Amino acid sequence: QVQLVESGGGLVQAGGSLRLSCAASGRTFSRYAMGWFRQAPGKEREFVATISRSGGLTYYADSVKGRFTISRDNEKNTVYLQMNSLTPEDTAAYYCAAGGSIAVASGAGTRADDYDYWGPGTQVTVSS
């Protein structure tokens, strides 16, 4: 079992940056592909980014491509989401997730159903 805890959310002005972190428990972190999702009030949870087990492959939603960067440190059992050029449309609760059967190279990892474990989320609010 993997337990995930996100941190780094907060209030930021439009155009600003935030770096989210997701710390995972256990010694098998490198066996999981990791993803970030977000959910705004009244909207469905949506895919943001995913990263392969080694960190060599990443994939982004079109809405964040070029602004957000996902990365991971398998020694620290942590995945990150660097968010730049934030807009009010990025306001949401952000969740990290771990999936043990995701092949990012095959295009998997963009659906919530691909993931086995979820963190409780961290709120990001972007003011205009």
Foldseek 3Di string as FASTA:
>chain_A
DKAKAKDFADEAAAQAKIKMKIAIDDLCLLLWKKFKWWDDPPGDIFGAKIAHSVRPDMDGDPVQPPFWDWGDDSVRRMIMIIGGRDDQVPWTWMKMFIANPADVVVVPDGDPVRGDDIYPTDTHGYHD
